[in-house]
Amino acid sequence: MYCVSEFPDFVLDIELPDGFTDCSFRGEPCPCFGKELPDGSILRLIVDYAEVSRRDFPETPRFCCEYWSGAVEAGVAQAFVQSDDWNHILNWIKFMERWGGVVY
């Protein structure tokens, strides 16, 4: 896991949803994990430190999940959710896995 090498003092105290892999980079303020969906879109999950005092941005929620219709490096997230409630994040991930690529 990159998380272990890039953030050696970080404790991952949640169970990642199926298919998410570590894509942490030391230039980021905290670990992140990604999952490519069947249509090529990407979900990027950012998990900050549980201790608010250790966060670079203590005023933001601990979890953030972004939906990208293409490569993360190529643009801007089309949708995202932020929350301190892990179940809220899990429900959003399930929704995006099912409906993320649908155009209304």
PDB file of N, CA and C in Angstrom:
ATOM      1  N   MET A   1       0.833  -1.190   0.000  1.00  0.00           N
ATOM      2  CA  MET A   1       0.000   0.000   0.000  1.00  0.00           C
ATOM      3  C   MET A   1       0.868   1.240   0.000  1.00  0.00           C
ATOM      4  N   TYR A   2       0.556   2.172  -0.878  1.00  0.00           N
ATOM      5  CA  TYR A   2       1.263   3.448  -0.901  1.00  0.00           C
ATOM      6  C   TYR A   2       0.973   4.233   0.369  1.00  0.00           C
ATOM      7  N   CYS A   3      -0.237   4.078   0.868  1.00  0.00           N
ATOM      8  CA  CYS A   3      -0.643   4.782   2.082  1.00  0.00           C
ATOM      9  C   CYS A   3       0.363   4.531   3.196  1.00  0.00           C
ATOM     10  N   VAL A   4       0.819   3.296   3.292  1.00  0.00           N
ATOM     11  CA  VAL A   4       1.772   2.928   4.339  1.00  0.00           C
ATOM     12  C   VAL A   4       3.106   3.635   4.124  1.00  0.00           C
ATOM     13  N   SER A   5       3.573   3.698   2.887  1.00  0.00           N
ATOM     14  CA  SER A   5       4.861   4.332   2.629  1.00  0.00           C
ATOM     15  C   SER A   5       4.767   5.851   2.561  1.00  0.00           C
ATOM     16  N   GLU A   6       3.693   6.378   1.997  1.00  0.00           N
ATOM     17  CA  GLU A   6       3.547   7.825   1.846  1.00  0.00           C
ATOM     18  C   GLU A   6       3.056   8.508   3.119  1.00  0.00           C
ATOM     19  N   PHE A   7       2.274   7.806   3.913  1.00  0.00           N
ATOM     20  CA  PHE A   7       1.716   8.344   5.162  1.00  0.00           C
ATOM     21  C   PHE A   7       1.915   7.312   6.266  1.00  0.00           C
ATOM     22  N   PRO A   8       3.151   7.081   6.691  1.00  0.00           N
ATOM     23  CA  PRO A   8       3.454   5.982   7.618  1.00  0.00           C
ATOM     24  C   PRO A   8       2.757   6.079   8.979  1.00  0.00           C
ATOM     25  N   ASP A   9       2.351   7.266   9.392  1.00  0.00           N
ATOM     26  CA  ASP A   9       1.686   7.404  10.691  1.00  0.00           C
ATOM     27  C   ASP A   9       0.164   7.428  10.562  1.00  0.00           C
ATOM     28  N   PHE A  10      -0.361   7.193   9.364  1.00  0.00           N
ATOM     29  CA  PHE A  10      -1.809   7.196   9.140  1.00  0.00           C
ATOM     30  C   PHE A  10      -2.401   5.847   9.528  1.00  0.00           C
ATOM     31  N   VAL A  11      -3.528   5.883  10.230  1.00  0.00           N
ATOM     32  CA  VAL A  11      -4.231   4.662  10.619  1.00  0.00           C
ATOM     33  C   VAL A  11      -5.523   4.590   9.800  1.00  0.00           C
ATOM     34  N   LEU A  12      -5.603   3.599   8.927  1.00  0.00           N
ATOM     35  CA  LEU A  12      -6.813   3.386   8.139  1.00  0.00           C
ATOM     36  C   LEU A  12      -7.782   2.583   8.995  1.00  0.00           C
ATOM     37  N   ASP A  13      -8.762   3.275   9.564  1.00  0.00           N
ATOM     38  CA  ASP A  13      -9.677   2.660  10.519  1.00  0.00           C
ATOM     39  C   ASP A  13     -11.054   2.371   9.924  1.00  0.00           C
ATOM     40  N   ILE A  14     -11.136   2.351   8.610  1.00  0.00           N
ATOM     41  CA  ILE A  14     -12.370   1.998   7.915  1.00  0.00           C
ATOM     42  C   ILE A  14     -12.053   0.876   6.934  1.00  0.00           C
ATOM     43  N   GLU A  15     -13.073   0.144   6.537  1.00  0.00           N
ATOM     44  CA  GLU A  15     -12.888  -0.891   5.531  1.00  0.00           C
ATOM     45  C   GLU A  15     -13.257  -0.298   4.176  1.00  0.00           C
ATOM     46  N   LEU A  16     -12.300  -0.335   3.254  1.00  0.00           N
ATOM     47  CA  LEU A  16     -12.538   0.223   1.930  1.00  0.00           C
ATOM     48  C   LEU A  16     -13.586  -0.600   1.179  1.00  0.00           C
ATOM     49  N   PRO A  17     -14.426   0.074   0.389  1.00  0.00           N
ATOM     50  CA  PRO A  17     -15.378  -0.668  -0.441  1.00  0.00           C
ATOM     51  C   PRO A  17     -14.631  -1.524  -1.468  1.00  0.00           C
ATOM     52  N   ASP A  18     -15.289  -2.554  -1.958  1.00  0.00           N
ATOM     53  CA  ASP A  18     -14.692  -3.450  -2.952  1.00  0.00           C
ATOM     54  C   ASP A  18     -14.187  -2.681  -4.164  1.00  0.00           C
ATOM     55  N   GLY A  19     -13.015  -3.086  -4.626  1.00  0.00           N
ATOM     56  CA  GLY A  19     -12.456  -2.539  -5.854  1.00  0.00           C
ATOM     57  C   GLY A  19     -11.615  -1.298  -5.705  1.00  0.00           C
ATOM     58  N   PHE A  20     -11.571  -0.692  -4.537  1.00  0.00           N
ATOM     59  CA  PHE A  20     -10.758   0.508  -4.347  1.00  0.00           C
ATOM     60  C   PHE A  20      -9.317   0.111  -4.063  1.00  0.00           C
ATOM     61  N   THR A  21      -8.382   0.750  -4.757  1.00  0.00           N
ATOM     62  CA  THR A  21      -6.962   0.494  -4.549  1.00  0.00           C
ATOM     63  C   THR A  21      -6.264   1.779  -4.129  1.00  0.00           C
ATOM     64  N   ASP A  22      -5.199   1.613  -3.437  1.00  0.00           N
ATOM     65  CA  ASP A  22      -4.432   2.738  -2.919  1.00  0.00           C
ATOM     66  C   ASP A  22      -3.756   3.494  -4.061  1.00  0.00           C
ATOM     67  N   CYS A  23      -3.999   4.778  -4.143  1.00  0.00           N
ATOM     68  CA  CYS A  23      -3.324   5.625  -5.134  1.00  0.00           C
ATOM     69  C   CYS A  23      -2.768   6.868  -4.442  1.00  0.00           C
ATOM     70  N   SER A  24      -2.375   6.700  -3.188  1.00  0.00           N
ATOM     71  CA  SER A  24      -1.862   7.808  -2.384  1.00  0.00           C
ATOM     72  C   SER A  24      -0.579   8.373  -2.976  1.00  0.00           C
ATOM     73  N   PHE A  25      -0.427   9.679  -2.816  1.00  0.00           N
ATOM     74  CA  PHE A  25       0.744  10.394  -3.304  1.00  0.00           C
ATOM     75  C   PHE A  25       1.165  11.374  -2.229  1.00  0.00           C
ATOM     76  N   ARG A  26       2.438  11.433  -1.950  1.00  0.00           N
ATOM     77  CA  ARG A  26       2.945  12.261  -0.852  1.00  0.00           C
ATOM     78  C   ARG A  26       2.591  13.740  -1.005  1.00  0.00           C
ATOM     79  N   GLY A  27       2.351  14.199  -2.223  1.00  0.00           N
ATOM     80  CA  GLY A  27       1.992  15.594  -2.445  1.00  0.00           C
ATOM     81  C   GLY A  27       0.592  15.946  -1.962  1.00  0.00           C
ATOM     82  N   GLU A  28      -0.196  14.951  -1.659  1.00  0.00           N
ATOM     83  CA  GLU A  28      -1.553  15.166  -1.158  1.00  0.00           C
ATOM     84  C   GLU A  28      -1.518  15.294   0.368  1.00  0.00           C
ATOM     85  N   PRO A  29      -2.535  15.917   0.961  1.00  0.00           N
ATOM     86  CA  PRO A  29      -2.544  16.065   2.415  1.00  0.00           C
ATOM     87  C   PRO A  29      -2.908  14.800   3.182  1.00  0.00           C
ATOM     88  N   CYS A  30      -3.475  13.798   2.479  1.00  0.00           N
ATOM     89  CA  CYS A  30      -3.882  12.560   3.136  1.00  0.00           C
ATOM     90  C   CYS A  30      -4.047  11.460   2.084  1.00  0.00           C
ATOM     91  N   PRO A  31      -4.187  10.224   2.508  1.00  0.00           N
ATOM     92  CA  PRO A  31      -4.304   9.107   1.571  1.00  0.00           C
ATOM     93  C   PRO A  31      -5.550   9.186   0.679  1.00  0.00           C
ATOM     94  N   CYS A  32      -5.430   8.578  -0.509  1.00  0.00           N
ATOM     95  CA  CYS A  32      -6.585   8.469  -1.391  1.00  0.00           C
ATOM     96  C   CYS A  32      -6.575   7.106  -2.082  1.00  0.00           C
ATOM     97  N   PHE A  33      -7.751   6.718  -2.515  1.00  0.00           N
ATOM     98  CA  PHE A  33      -7.968   5.403  -3.092  1.00  0.00           C
ATOM     99  C   PHE A  33      -8.847   5.577  -4.320  1.00  0.00           C
ATOM    100  N   GLY A  34      -8.630   4.752  -5.330  1.00  0.00           N
ATOM    101  CA  GLY A  34      -9.386   4.899  -6.559  1.00  0.00           C
ATOM    102  C   GLY A  34      -9.996   3.604  -7.030  1.00  0.00           C
ATOM    103  N   LYS A  35     -11.044   3.759  -7.847  1.00  0.00           N
ATOM    104  CA  LYS A  35     -11.713   2.608  -8.458  1.00  0.00           C
ATOM    105  C   LYS A  35     -12.178   3.017  -9.846  1.00  0.00           C
ATOM    106  N   GLU A  36     -11.795   2.218 -10.842  1.00  0.00           N
ATOM    107  CA  GLU A  36     -12.270   2.467 -12.199  1.00  0.00           C
ATOM    108  C   GLU A  36     -13.561   1.695 -12.404  1.00  0.00           C
ATOM    109  N   LEU A  37     -14.587   2.382 -12.894  1.00  0.00           N
ATOM    110  CA  LEU A  37     -15.870   1.761 -13.164  1.00  0.00           C
ATOM    111  C   LEU A  37     -15.877   1.173 -14.576  1.00  0.00           C
ATOM    112  N   PRO A  38     -16.810   0.274 -14.872  1.00  0.00           N
ATOM    113  CA  PRO A  38     -16.833  -0.390 -16.183  1.00  0.00           C
ATOM    114  C   PRO A  38     -16.858   0.555 -17.382  1.00  0.00           C
ATOM    115  N   ASP A  39     -17.451   1.742 -17.232  1.00  0.00           N
ATOM    116  CA  ASP A  39     -17.520   2.684 -18.346  1.00  0.00           C
ATOM    117  C   ASP A  39     -16.266   3.556 -18.467  1.00  0.00           C
ATOM    118  N   GLY A  40     -15.251   3.286 -17.645  1.00  0.00           N
ATOM    119  CA  GLY A  40     -14.009   4.043 -17.686  1.00  0.00           C
ATOM    120  C   GLY A  40     -13.972   5.232 -16.750  1.00  0.00           C
ATOM    121  N   SER A  41     -15.090   5.550 -16.119  1.00  0.00           N
ATOM    122  CA  SER A  41     -15.094   6.638 -15.153  1.00  0.00           C
ATOM    123  C   SER A  41     -14.384   6.177 -13.878  1.00  0.00           C
ATOM    124  N   ILE A  42     -14.066   7.135 -13.034  1.00  0.00           N
ATOM    125  CA  ILE A  42     -13.254   6.846 -11.851  1.00  0.00           C
ATOM    126  C   ILE A  42     -13.909   7.424 -10.606  1.00  0.00           C
ATOM    127  N   LEU A  43     -13.896   6.645  -9.532  1.00  0.00           N
ATOM    128  CA  LEU A  43     -14.260   7.141  -8.215  1.00  0.00           C
ATOM    129  C   LEU A  43     -12.970   7.300  -7.432  1.00  0.00           C
ATOM    130  N   ARG A  44     -12.789   8.440  -6.828  1.00  0.00           N
ATOM    131  CA  ARG A  44     -11.585   8.731  -6.039  1.00  0.00           C
ATOM    132  C   ARG A  44     -12.030   9.048  -4.620  1.00  0.00           C
ATOM    133  N   LEU A  45     -11.572   8.240  -3.675  1.00  0.00           N
ATOM    134  CA  LEU A  45     -11.951   8.359  -2.274  1.00  0.00           C
ATOM    135  C   LEU A  45     -10.781   8.927  -1.481  1.00  0.00           C
ATOM    136  N   ILE A  46     -11.023  10.033  -0.808  1.00  0.00           N
ATOM    137  CA  ILE A  46      -9.996  10.693  -0.001  1.00  0.00           C
ATOM    138  C   ILE A  46     -10.372  10.516   1.465  1.00  0.00           C
ATOM    139  N   VAL A  47      -9.442   9.975   2.245  1.00  0.00           N
ATOM    140  CA  VAL A  47      -9.695   9.694   3.661  1.00  0.00           C
ATOM    141  C   VAL A  47      -8.690  10.476   4.492  1.00  0.00           C
ATOM    142  N   ASP A  48      -9.190  11.435   5.247  1.00  0.00           N
ATOM    143  CA  ASP A  48      -8.307  12.273   6.061  1.00  0.00           C
ATOM    144  C   ASP A  48      -8.090  11.635   7.435  1.00  0.00           C
ATOM    145  N   TYR A  49      -7.206  12.212   8.186  1.00  0.00           N
ATOM    146  CA  TYR A  49      -6.904  11.733   9.532  1.00  0.00           C
ATOM    147  C   TYR A  49      -8.144  11.822  10.421  1.00  0.00           C
ATOM    148  N   ALA A  50      -8.336  10.834  11.283  1.00  0.00           N
ATOM    149  CA  ALA A  50      -9.458  10.849  12.219  1.00  0.00           C
ATOM    150  C   ALA A  50      -9.328  12.014  13.199  1.00  0.00           C
ATOM    151  N   GLU A  51      -8.101  12.306  13.602  1.00  0.00           N
ATOM    152  CA  GLU A  51      -7.854  13.402  14.536  1.00  0.00           C
ATOM    153  C   GLU A  51      -7.887  14.723  13.763  1.00  0.00           C
ATOM    154  N   VAL A  52      -8.861  15.549  14.058  1.00  0.00           N
ATOM    155  CA  VAL A  52      -9.024  16.827  13.356  1.00  0.00           C
ATOM    156  C   VAL A  52      -7.750  17.667  13.438  1.00  0.00           C
ATOM    157  N   SER A  53      -7.044  17.615  14.536  1.00  0.00           N
ATOM    158  CA  SER A  53      -5.831  18.416  14.716  1.00  0.00           C
ATOM    159  C   SER A  53      -4.710  18.026  13.748  1.00  0.00           C
ATOM    160  N   ARG A  54      -4.789  16.848  13.140  1.00  0.00           N
ATOM    161  CA  ARG A  54      -3.744  16.387  12.217  1.00  0.00           C
ATOM    162  C   ARG A  54      -4.050  16.729  10.765  1.00  0.00           C
ATOM    163  N   ARG A  55      -5.223  17.253  10.488  1.00  0.00           N
ATOM    164  CA  ARG A  55      -5.635  17.547   9.117  1.00  0.00           C
ATOM    165  C   ARG A  55      -5.064  18.882   8.640  1.00  0.00           C
ATOM    166  N   ASP A  56      -4.702  18.936   7.368  1.00  0.00           N
ATOM    167  CA  ASP A  56      -4.256  20.199   6.772  1.00  0.00           C
ATOM    168  C   ASP A  56      -5.398  21.207   6.719  1.00  0.00           C
ATOM    169  N   PHE A  57      -6.619  20.705   6.543  1.00  0.00           N
ATOM    170  CA  PHE A  57      -7.802  21.556   6.464  1.00  0.00           C
ATOM    171  C   PHE A  57      -8.823  21.056   7.485  1.00  0.00           C
ATOM    172  N   PRO A  58      -8.653  21.424   8.757  1.00  0.00           N
ATOM    173  CA  PRO A  58      -9.493  20.876   9.817  1.00  0.00           C
ATOM    174  C   PRO A  58     -10.975  21.232   9.690  1.00  0.00           C
ATOM    175  N   GLU A  59     -11.295  22.244   8.921  1.00  0.00           N
ATOM    176  CA  GLU A  59     -12.688  22.663   8.786  1.00  0.00           C
ATOM    177  C   GLU A  59     -13.474  21.805   7.778  1.00  0.00           C
ATOM    178  N   THR A  60     -12.782  20.968   7.013  1.00  0.00           N
ATOM    179  CA  THR A  60     -13.473  20.136   6.023  1.00  0.00           C
ATOM    180  C   THR A  60     -13.780  18.751   6.612  1.00  0.00           C
ATOM    181  N   PRO A  61     -14.811  18.100   6.085  1.00  0.00           N
ATOM    182  CA  PRO A  61     -15.141  16.754   6.567  1.00  0.00           C
ATOM    183  C   PRO A  61     -14.006  15.763   6.321  1.00  0.00           C
ATOM    184  N   ARG A  62     -14.022  14.689   7.043  1.00  0.00           N
ATOM    185  CA  ARG A  62     -12.956  13.691   6.972  1.00  0.00           C
ATOM    186  C   ARG A  62     -12.936  12.922   5.656  1.00  0.00           C
ATOM    187  N   PHE A  63     -14.092  12.661   5.072  1.00  0.00           N
ATOM    188  CA  PHE A  63     -14.176  11.847   3.861  1.00  0.00           C
ATOM    189  C   PHE A  63     -14.651  12.675   2.676  1.00  0.00           C
ATOM    190  N   CYS A  64     -14.083  12.380   1.527  1.00  0.00           N
ATOM    191  CA  CYS A  64     -14.523  12.989   0.276  1.00  0.00           C
ATOM    192  C   CYS A  64     -14.452  11.917  -0.801  1.00  0.00           C
ATOM    193  N   CYS A  65     -15.475  11.851  -1.636  1.00  0.00           N
ATOM    194  CA  CYS A  65     -15.444  10.941  -2.766  1.00  0.00           C
ATOM    195  C   CYS A  65     -15.809  11.737  -4.011  1.00  0.00           C
ATOM    196  N   GLU A  66     -15.001  11.573  -5.053  1.00  0.00           N
ATOM    197  CA  GLU A  66     -15.177  12.310  -6.304  1.00  0.00           C
ATOM    198  C   GLU A  66     -15.503  11.342  -7.439  1.00  0.00           C
ATOM    199  N   TYR A  67     -16.307  11.809  -8.384  1.00  0.00           N
ATOM    200  CA  TYR A  67     -16.624  11.053  -9.593  1.00  0.00           C
ATOM    201  C   TYR A  67     -16.001  11.779 -10.779  1.00  0.00           C
ATOM    202  N   TRP A  68     -15.209  11.067 -11.550  1.00  0.00           N
ATOM    203  CA  TRP A  68     -14.535  11.604 -12.733  1.00  0.00           C
ATOM    204  C   TRP A  68     -14.983  10.792 -13.944  1.00  0.00           C
ATOM    205  N   SER A  69     -15.407  11.464 -15.006  1.00  0.00           N
ATOM    206  CA  SER A  69     -15.832  10.731 -16.195  1.00  0.00           C
ATOM    207  C   SER A  69     -14.647  10.321 -17.058  1.00  0.00           C
ATOM    208  N   GLY A  70     -13.464  10.789 -16.717  1.00  0.00           N
ATOM    209  CA  GLY A  70     -12.243  10.427 -17.435  1.00  0.00           C
ATOM    210  C   GLY A  70     -11.081  10.403 -16.466  1.00  0.00           C
ATOM    211  N   ALA A  71      -9.889  10.457 -16.989  1.00  0.00           N
ATOM    212  CA  ALA A  71      -8.689  10.416 -16.148  1.00  0.00           C
ATOM    213  C   ALA A  71      -8.674  11.592 -15.181  1.00  0.00           C
ATOM    214  N   VAL A  72      -8.277  11.322 -13.956  1.00  0.00           N
ATOM    215  CA  VAL A  72      -8.221  12.348 -12.921  1.00  0.00           C
ATOM    216  C   VAL A  72      -7.310  13.497 -13.357  1.00  0.00           C
ATOM    217  N   GLU A  73      -6.204  13.170 -14.026  1.00  0.00           N
ATOM    218  CA  GLU A  73      -5.240  14.189 -14.442  1.00  0.00           C
ATOM    219  C   GLU A  73      -5.787  15.092 -15.547  1.00  0.00           C
ATOM    220  N   ALA A  74      -6.877  14.672 -16.194  1.00  0.00           N
ATOM    221  CA  ALA A  74      -7.358  15.371 -17.376  1.00  0.00           C
ATOM    222  C   ALA A  74      -8.375  16.479 -17.101  1.00  0.00           C
ATOM    223  N   GLY A  75      -8.854  16.597 -15.900  1.00  0.00           N
ATOM    224  CA  GLY A  75      -9.888  17.605 -15.726  1.00  0.00           C
ATOM    225  C   GLY A  75     -10.358  17.795 -14.321  1.00  0.00           C
ATOM    226  N   VAL A  76     -11.653  18.016 -14.215  1.00  0.00           N
ATOM    227  CA  VAL A  76     -12.290  18.364 -12.959  1.00  0.00           C
ATOM    228  C   VAL A  76     -13.348  17.314 -12.626  1.00  0.00           C
ATOM    229  N   ALA A  77     -13.479  17.012 -11.365  1.00  0.00           N
ATOM    230  CA  ALA A  77     -14.499  16.053 -10.938  1.00  0.00           C
ATOM    231  C   ALA A  77     -15.880  16.547 -11.338  1.00  0.00           C
ATOM    232  N   GLN A  78     -16.718  15.642 -11.853  1.00  0.00           N
ATOM    233  CA  GLN A  78     -18.070  16.006 -12.253  1.00  0.00           C
ATOM    234  C   GLN A  78     -19.034  16.029 -11.072  1.00  0.00           C
ATOM    235  N   ALA A  79     -18.731  15.273 -10.038  1.00  0.00           N
ATOM    236  CA  ALA A  79     -19.572  15.235  -8.843  1.00  0.00           C
ATOM    237  C   ALA A  79     -18.707  14.819  -7.663  1.00  0.00           C
ATOM    238  N   PHE A  80     -19.100  15.258  -6.493  1.00  0.00           N
ATOM    239  CA  PHE A  80     -18.373  14.829  -5.297  1.00  0.00           C
ATOM    240  C   PHE A  80     -19.278  14.980  -4.084  1.00  0.00           C
ATOM    241  N   VAL A  81     -18.880  14.279  -3.036  1.00  0.00           N
ATOM    242  CA  VAL A  81     -19.576  14.387  -1.759  1.00  0.00           C
ATOM    243  C   VAL A  81     -18.513  14.452  -0.660  1.00  0.00           C
ATOM    244  N   GLN A  82     -18.796  15.236   0.374  1.00  0.00           N
ATOM    245  CA  GLN A  82     -17.926  15.325   1.545  1.00  0.00           C
ATOM    246  C   GLN A  82     -18.789  15.071   2.769  1.00  0.00           C
ATOM    247  N   SER A  83     -18.247  14.319   3.715  1.00  0.00           N
ATOM    248  CA  SER A  83     -19.013  14.034   4.924  1.00  0.00           C
ATOM    249  C   SER A  83     -18.098  13.471   6.007  1.00  0.00           C
ATOM    250  N   ASP A  84     -18.510  13.639   7.250  1.00  0.00           N
ATOM    251  CA  ASP A  84     -17.856  12.952   8.361  1.00  0.00           C
ATOM    252  C   ASP A  84     -18.543  11.621   8.648  1.00  0.00           C
ATOM    253  N   ASP A  85     -19.653  11.373   7.962  1.00  0.00           N
ATOM    254  CA  ASP A  85     -20.444  10.158   8.138  1.00  0.00           C
ATOM    255  C   ASP A  85     -20.022   9.127   7.079  1.00  0.00           C
ATOM    256  N   TRP A  86     -19.309   8.086   7.498  1.00  0.00           N
ATOM    257  CA  TRP A  86     -18.799   7.069   6.578  1.00  0.00           C
ATOM    258  C   TRP A  86     -19.936   6.376   5.826  1.00  0.00           C
ATOM    259  N   ASN A  87     -21.076   6.130   6.480  1.00  0.00           N
ATOM    260  CA  ASN A  87     -22.204   5.489   5.808  1.00  0.00           C
ATOM    261  C   ASN A  87     -22.768   6.358   4.686  1.00  0.00           C
ATOM    262  N   HIS A  88     -22.752   7.664   4.868  1.00  0.00           N
ATOM    263  CA  HIS A  88     -23.179   8.583   3.806  1.00  0.00           C
ATOM    264  C   HIS A  88     -22.275   8.408   2.583  1.00  0.00           C
ATOM    265  N   ILE A  89     -20.991   8.324   2.805  1.00  0.00           N
ATOM    266  CA  ILE A  89     -20.027   8.127   1.713  1.00  0.00           C
ATOM    267  C   ILE A  89     -20.272   6.785   1.026  1.00  0.00           C
ATOM    268  N   LEU A  90     -20.453   5.728   1.798  1.00  0.00           N
ATOM    269  CA  LEU A  90     -20.694   4.407   1.223  1.00  0.00           C
ATOM    270  C   LEU A  90     -21.954   4.391   0.361  1.00  0.00           C
ATOM    271  N   ASN A  91     -23.011   5.043   0.826  1.00  0.00           N
ATOM    272  CA  ASN A  91     -24.244   5.102   0.050  1.00  0.00           C
ATOM    273  C   ASN A  91     -24.050   5.875  -1.246  1.00  0.00           C
ATOM    274  N   TRP A  92     -23.287   6.951  -1.201  1.00  0.00           N
ATOM    275  CA  TRP A  92     -23.009   7.732  -2.412  1.00  0.00           C
ATOM    276  C   TRP A  92     -22.191   6.908  -3.403  1.00  0.00           C
ATOM    277  N   ILE A  93     -21.219   6.173  -2.904  1.00  0.00           N
ATOM    278  CA  ILE A  93     -20.409   5.305  -3.773  1.00  0.00           C
ATOM    279  C   ILE A  93     -21.307   4.279  -4.465  1.00  0.00           C
ATOM    280  N   LYS A  94     -22.192   3.646  -3.719  1.00  0.00           N
ATOM    281  CA  LYS A  94     -23.108   2.668  -4.313  1.00  0.00           C
ATOM    282  C   LYS A  94     -23.964   3.308  -5.400  1.00  0.00           C
ATOM    283  N   PHE A  95     -24.457   4.510  -5.127  1.00  0.00           N
ATOM    284  CA  PHE A  95     -25.264   5.225  -6.112  1.00  0.00           C
ATOM    285  C   PHE A  95     -24.445   5.519  -7.373  1.00  0.00           C
ATOM    286  N   MET A  96     -23.238   6.023  -7.206  1.00  0.00           N
ATOM    287  CA  MET A  96     -22.411   6.391  -8.359  1.00  0.00           C
ATOM    288  C   MET A  96     -21.971   5.147  -9.140  1.00  0.00           C
ATOM    289  N   GLU A  97     -21.730   4.057  -8.461  1.00  0.00           N
ATOM    290  CA  GLU A  97     -21.374   2.818  -9.161  1.00  0.00           C
ATOM    291  C   GLU A  97     -22.515   2.367 -10.074  1.00  0.00           C
ATOM    292  N   ARG A  98     -23.723   2.629  -9.644  1.00  0.00           N
ATOM    293  CA  ARG A  98     -24.885   2.196 -10.426  1.00  0.00           C
ATOM    294  C   ARG A  98     -25.321   3.233 -11.456  1.00  0.00           C
ATOM    295  N   TRP A  99     -25.300   4.520 -11.090  1.00  0.00           N
ATOM    296  CA  TRP A  99     -25.885   5.550 -11.944  1.00  0.00           C
ATOM    297  C   TRP A  99     -24.909   6.626 -12.416  1.00  0.00           C
ATOM    298  N   GLY A 100     -23.668   6.581 -12.014  1.00  0.00           N
ATOM    299  CA  GLY A 100     -22.717   7.648 -12.318  1.00  0.00           C
ATOM    300  C   GLY A 100     -22.588   8.017 -13.781  1.00  0.00           C
ATOM    301  N   GLY A 101     -22.631   7.043 -14.677  1.00  0.00           N
ATOM    302  CA  GLY A 101     -22.446   7.338 -16.082  1.00  0.00           C
ATOM    303  C   GLY A 101     -23.720   7.641 -16.843  1.00  0.00           C
ATOM    304  N   VAL A 102     -24.858   7.672 -16.130  1.00  0.00           N
ATOM    305  CA  VAL A 102     -26.147   7.920 -16.788  1.00  0.00           C
ATOM    306  C   VAL A 102     -26.301   9.399 -17.090  1.00  0.00           C
ATOM    307  N   VAL A 103     -26.667   9.715 -18.320  1.00  0.00           N
ATOM    308  CA  VAL A 103     -26.919  11.114 -18.713  1.00  0.00           C
ATOM    309  C   VAL A 103     -28.417  11.345 -18.708  1.00  0.00           C
ATOM    310  N   TYR A 104     -28.853  12.382 -18.001  1.00  0.00           N
ATOM    311  CA  TYR A 104     -30.288  12.698 -17.902  1.00  0.00           C
ATOM    312  C   TYR A 104     -30.657  13.760 -18.893  1.00  0.00           C
TER     313      TYR A 104
END
